[in-house]
Amino acid sequence: MLDTPSPASPVRQREPLISLVLYHLFKWPVVSPMLHLYFRGRIYGVEQVPQKGPLLVVANHASDFDPPILANCVQRPVSYMAKEELFHVPVLGRAIRLYGAYPVKRGSADRSAIRAALAQLEAGWAVGVFLQGTRTADARIPDPKLGAALLAAKAQVPLLPVSLWGTQAIVPKGSKFPQPVPVTVRIGELITPPISTKREELEAVTQQCVTVIHALHDLGR
């Protein structure tokens, strides 16, 4: 078992040009108007986001709307995992790959996700990780997973903590349509990656991310 990250491979500093174009084609006509007009979105801390180079964006998670909102607010494409089956669908598979999604096999999600996410980081992407691993009703992170810290340690890239406030109310129980609730996104300062893959170091950095995100979330609207 490795206790220290392997030497970093040369990495690209930006996503492919076509991915940047697709990001902006989706952001400006669709995501940004919905966030700012329908959800009355507020965004704080954009100046904290590096606009080039590999990056791990870590956040809380309460809604299916979180991934596009998060990518919109950090002002650069964010790569997320997706089921491998989607990549076999004609046209859709090509489109989501260009938009930054990477495939994960069912039954071996941890191993395949780590390999695929590292490849995205080496290609210069910002990779998005929801620390809880699933949505929570109150947007808190009671049981954070260590995957983001492990990726940061292996790739030696910084983590960017982001709080999504209000998204848990977008589609309340029993509703079929998104509600015009207020949404606030707060972006924290970069967090240094763990210096090794030792569990205690991964846990310490993960908890640091959670503490920052909860503090930002507690600021409310």
Protein backbone atom coordinates (compact mmCIF):
# COMPACT_ATOMS: atom_id res chain seq x y z
CA MET A 1 0.00 0.00 0.00
CA LEU A 2 1.34 3.41 -0.98
CA ASP A 3 1.83 5.89 1.82
CA THR A 4 3.08 8.67 -0.40
CA PRO A 5 1.76 9.94 -3.72
CA SER A 6 3.56 8.73 -6.82
CA PRO A 7 5.45 11.36 -8.81
CA ALA A 8 2.99 13.54 -10.68
CA SER A 9 2.70 13.00 -14.42
CA PRO A 10 2.73 16.02 -16.72
CA VAL A 11 -0.76 17.52 -16.76
CA ARG A 12 -2.64 19.76 -19.12
CA GLN A 13 -3.66 23.17 -17.86
CA ARG A 14 -7.08 23.41 -19.53
CA GLU A 15 -9.95 21.25 -20.65
CA PRO A 16 -10.24 20.56 -24.40
CA LEU A 17 -11.47 23.57 -26.38
CA ILE A 18 -14.62 21.80 -27.55
CA SER A 19 -15.53 21.03 -23.92
CA LEU A 20 -15.14 24.70 -23.02
CA VAL A 21 -17.39 25.66 -25.92
CA LEU A 22 -20.09 23.16 -24.90
CA TYR A 23 -19.87 24.38 -21.30
CA HIS A 24 -20.57 27.97 -22.31
CA LEU A 25 -23.31 26.95 -24.76
CA PHE A 26 -25.14 25.23 -21.89
CA LYS A 27 -24.27 27.75 -19.17
CA TRP A 28 -25.38 31.05 -20.64
CA PRO A 29 -28.69 30.16 -22.36
CA VAL A 30 -29.88 27.61 -19.76
CA VAL A 31 -28.18 27.29 -16.36
CA SER A 32 -27.24 30.89 -15.62
CA PRO A 33 -30.67 32.40 -16.44
CA MET A 34 -32.42 29.75 -14.34
CA LEU A 35 -30.03 30.24 -11.41
CA HIS A 36 -30.15 34.04 -11.40
CA LEU A 37 -33.73 34.71 -12.46
CA TYR A 38 -35.74 31.70 -11.27
CA PHE A 39 -33.72 30.81 -8.15
CA ARG A 40 -32.54 34.39 -7.46
CA GLY A 41 -29.06 32.96 -7.12
CA ARG A 42 -26.31 34.60 -5.12
CA ILE A 43 -22.66 33.60 -5.58
CA TYR A 44 -19.82 34.49 -3.23
CA GLY A 45 -16.10 33.75 -3.48
CA VAL A 46 -15.68 33.31 -7.23
CA GLU A 47 -12.25 34.95 -6.92
CA GLN A 48 -11.08 31.82 -5.03
CA VAL A 49 -11.40 29.60 -8.13
CA PRO A 50 -8.28 28.86 -10.25
CA GLN A 51 -9.39 29.16 -13.86
CA LYS A 52 -6.82 26.71 -15.17
CA GLY A 53 -5.03 23.62 -13.97
CA PRO A 54 -6.42 20.47 -12.33
CA LEU A 55 -8.70 21.04 -9.35
CA LEU A 56 -10.97 19.05 -7.03
CA VAL A 57 -14.25 20.83 -6.34
CA VAL A 58 -15.84 19.39 -3.18
CA ALA A 59 -19.35 20.24 -2.02
CA ASN A 60 -22.43 19.22 -0.12
CA HIS A 61 -25.27 17.67 -2.13
CA ALA A 62 -29.04 17.92 -1.79
CA SER A 63 -30.49 18.14 -5.32
CA ASP A 64 -30.13 16.87 -8.87
CA PHE A 65 -29.70 20.53 -9.79
CA ASP A 66 -26.41 20.72 -7.86
CA PRO A 67 -23.98 19.60 -10.61
CA PRO A 68 -24.94 22.23 -13.23
CA ILE A 69 -25.30 24.95 -10.57
CA LEU A 70 -21.86 24.12 -9.18
CA ALA A 71 -20.20 24.19 -12.60
CA ASN A 72 -21.93 27.45 -13.43
CA CYS A 73 -20.72 29.14 -10.25
CA VAL A 74 -17.04 28.13 -10.45
CA GLN A 75 -16.98 29.52 -13.99
CA ARG A 76 -15.30 26.53 -15.57
CA PRO A 77 -16.37 23.04 -16.65
CA VAL A 78 -16.58 20.47 -13.85
CA SER A 79 -16.20 16.76 -14.57
CA TYR A 80 -18.49 14.26 -12.79
CA MET A 81 -18.82 10.48 -12.82
CA ALA A 82 -21.70 8.87 -14.73
CA LYS A 83 -22.98 5.34 -15.26
CA GLU A 84 -21.03 3.47 -17.94
CA GLU A 85 -24.24 2.50 -19.72
CA LEU A 86 -24.90 6.11 -20.69
CA PHE A 87 -21.72 6.19 -22.76
CA HIS A 88 -23.06 3.45 -25.04
CA VAL A 89 -26.08 5.54 -26.07
CA PRO A 90 -25.53 7.01 -29.56
CA VAL A 91 -24.91 10.76 -29.56
CA LEU A 92 -25.56 11.05 -25.80
CA GLY A 93 -22.40 9.14 -24.92
CA ARG A 94 -20.23 11.38 -27.05
CA ALA A 95 -21.93 14.53 -25.78
CA ILE A 96 -21.59 13.81 -22.06
CA ARG A 97 -17.96 12.75 -22.53
CA LEU A 98 -17.16 16.06 -24.22
CA TYR A 99 -19.00 17.83 -21.41
CA GLY A 100 -16.66 16.18 -18.92
CA ALA A 101 -18.47 13.09 -17.64
CA TYR A 102 -16.39 9.96 -17.11
CA PRO A 103 -17.73 6.39 -16.99
CA VAL A 104 -17.91 4.27 -13.85
CA LYS A 105 -18.71 0.56 -13.91
CA ARG A 106 -21.35 -0.75 -11.56
CA GLY A 107 -20.00 -3.06 -8.90
CA SER A 108 -16.51 -1.62 -9.03
CA ALA A 109 -17.33 2.06 -8.65
CA ASP A 110 -14.56 2.93 -6.20
CA ARG A 111 -11.66 1.58 -8.28
CA SER A 112 -12.95 2.68 -11.66
CA ALA A 113 -13.99 6.10 -10.38
CA ILE A 114 -10.53 6.77 -8.93
CA ARG A 115 -8.77 5.78 -12.15
CA ALA A 116 -11.14 7.79 -14.31
CA ALA A 117 -11.04 10.86 -12.06
CA LEU A 118 -7.23 10.82 -11.99
CA ALA A 119 -7.21 10.69 -15.78
CA GLN A 120 -9.50 13.74 -15.88
CA LEU A 121 -7.22 15.63 -13.50
CA GLU A 122 -4.21 14.78 -15.66
CA ALA A 123 -6.14 16.21 -18.61
CA GLY A 124 -6.50 19.54 -16.79
CA TRP A 125 -10.11 19.22 -15.66
CA ALA A 126 -11.79 20.39 -12.48
CA VAL A 127 -13.32 17.22 -11.01
CA GLY A 128 -16.44 17.52 -8.87
CA VAL A 129 -16.95 15.32 -5.79
CA PHE A 130 -19.91 15.45 -3.41
CA LEU A 131 -18.38 14.50 -0.08
CA GLN A 132 -21.40 12.61 1.24
CA GLY A 133 -21.52 10.53 -1.94
CA THR A 134 -25.29 10.96 -2.15
CA ARG A 135 -27.94 13.61 -1.54
CA THR A 136 -28.99 14.55 1.99
CA ALA A 137 -32.32 16.14 2.91
CA ASP A 138 -30.76 18.94 4.95
CA ALA A 139 -27.72 19.55 2.70
CA ARG A 140 -25.34 18.59 5.52
CA ILE A 141 -22.46 16.09 5.31
CA PRO A 142 -22.87 13.67 8.24
CA ASP A 143 -20.75 10.84 6.86
CA PRO A 144 -18.13 12.18 4.43
CA LYS A 145 -16.29 9.76 2.18
CA LEU A 146 -12.50 9.88 1.75
CA GLY A 147 -12.49 9.66 -2.06
CA ALA A 148 -11.84 13.34 -2.71
CA ALA A 149 -8.92 13.48 -0.27
CA LEU A 150 -7.49 10.30 -1.80
CA LEU A 151 -7.67 11.80 -5.29
CA ALA A 152 -6.07 15.01 -4.05
CA ALA A 153 -3.24 13.05 -2.41
CA LYS A 154 -2.55 10.90 -5.46
CA ALA A 155 -2.69 13.77 -7.96
CA GLN A 156 -1.37 16.45 -5.58
CA VAL A 157 -4.02 18.96 -6.58
CA PRO A 158 -5.83 21.43 -4.29
CA LEU A 159 -9.40 21.03 -3.06
CA LEU A 160 -11.95 23.82 -3.45
CA PRO A 161 -14.76 23.69 -0.84
CA VAL A 162 -18.18 24.92 -2.01
CA SER A 163 -21.44 25.27 -0.10
CA LEU A 164 -24.77 24.91 -1.89
CA TRP A 165 -27.52 26.53 0.19
CA GLY A 166 -31.23 26.17 -0.58
CA THR A 167 -31.06 23.52 -3.30
CA GLN A 168 -32.70 20.92 -1.06
CA ALA A 169 -35.96 22.87 -1.48
CA ILE A 170 -35.93 23.05 -5.27
CA VAL A 171 -38.02 19.90 -5.70
CA PRO A 172 -39.80 19.25 -2.38
CA LYS A 173 -41.37 15.90 -1.60
CA GLY A 174 -44.53 15.42 -3.62
CA SER A 175 -43.62 18.04 -6.22
CA LYS A 176 -42.83 17.25 -9.85
CA PHE A 177 -41.54 20.66 -10.81
CA PRO A 178 -38.68 22.87 -9.54
CA GLN A 179 -39.82 25.60 -7.18
CA PRO A 180 -38.53 29.21 -7.39
CA VAL A 181 -36.66 29.01 -4.09
CA PRO A 182 -33.64 31.22 -3.27
CA VAL A 183 -30.25 29.56 -3.81
CA THR A 184 -26.90 30.76 -2.48
CA VAL A 185 -23.49 29.37 -3.43
CA ARG A 186 -20.43 30.19 -1.33
CA ILE A 187 -16.91 29.25 -2.43
CA GLY A 188 -14.16 28.86 0.17
CA GLU A 189 -10.40 29.13 0.05
CA LEU A 190 -8.29 26.39 -1.52
CA ILE A 191 -7.29 23.53 0.76
CA THR A 192 -3.87 21.92 0.41
CA PRO A 193 -3.94 18.21 -0.55
CA PRO A 194 -2.79 15.53 1.90
CA ILE A 195 0.93 14.78 1.69
CA SER A 196 0.28 11.04 1.64
CA THR A 197 -2.50 8.47 1.31
CA LYS A 198 -2.34 7.46 4.97
CA ARG A 199 -5.86 7.17 6.33
CA GLU A 200 -5.33 9.63 9.18
CA GLU A 201 -4.19 12.30 6.74
CA LEU A 202 -7.10 11.65 4.38
CA GLU A 203 -9.52 11.87 7.30
CA ALA A 204 -7.98 15.14 8.52
CA VAL A 205 -8.25 16.87 5.14
CA THR A 206 -11.75 15.49 4.57
CA GLN A 207 -12.88 16.86 7.92
CA GLN A 208 -11.28 20.19 7.09
CA CYS A 209 -13.33 20.33 3.89
CA VAL A 210 -16.54 19.44 5.77
CA THR A 211 -15.88 22.04 8.48
CA VAL A 212 -15.36 24.79 5.89
CA ILE A 213 -18.43 23.79 3.87
CA HIS A 214 -20.66 23.67 6.97
CA ALA A 215 -19.35 27.06 8.12
CA LEU A 216 -20.14 28.56 4.72
CA HIS A 217 -23.56 26.88 4.72
CA ASP A 218 -24.34 28.27 8.18
CA LEU A 219 -24.00 31.78 6.76
CA GLY A 220 -27.33 31.15 5.03
CA ARG A 221 -28.72 33.40 2.40
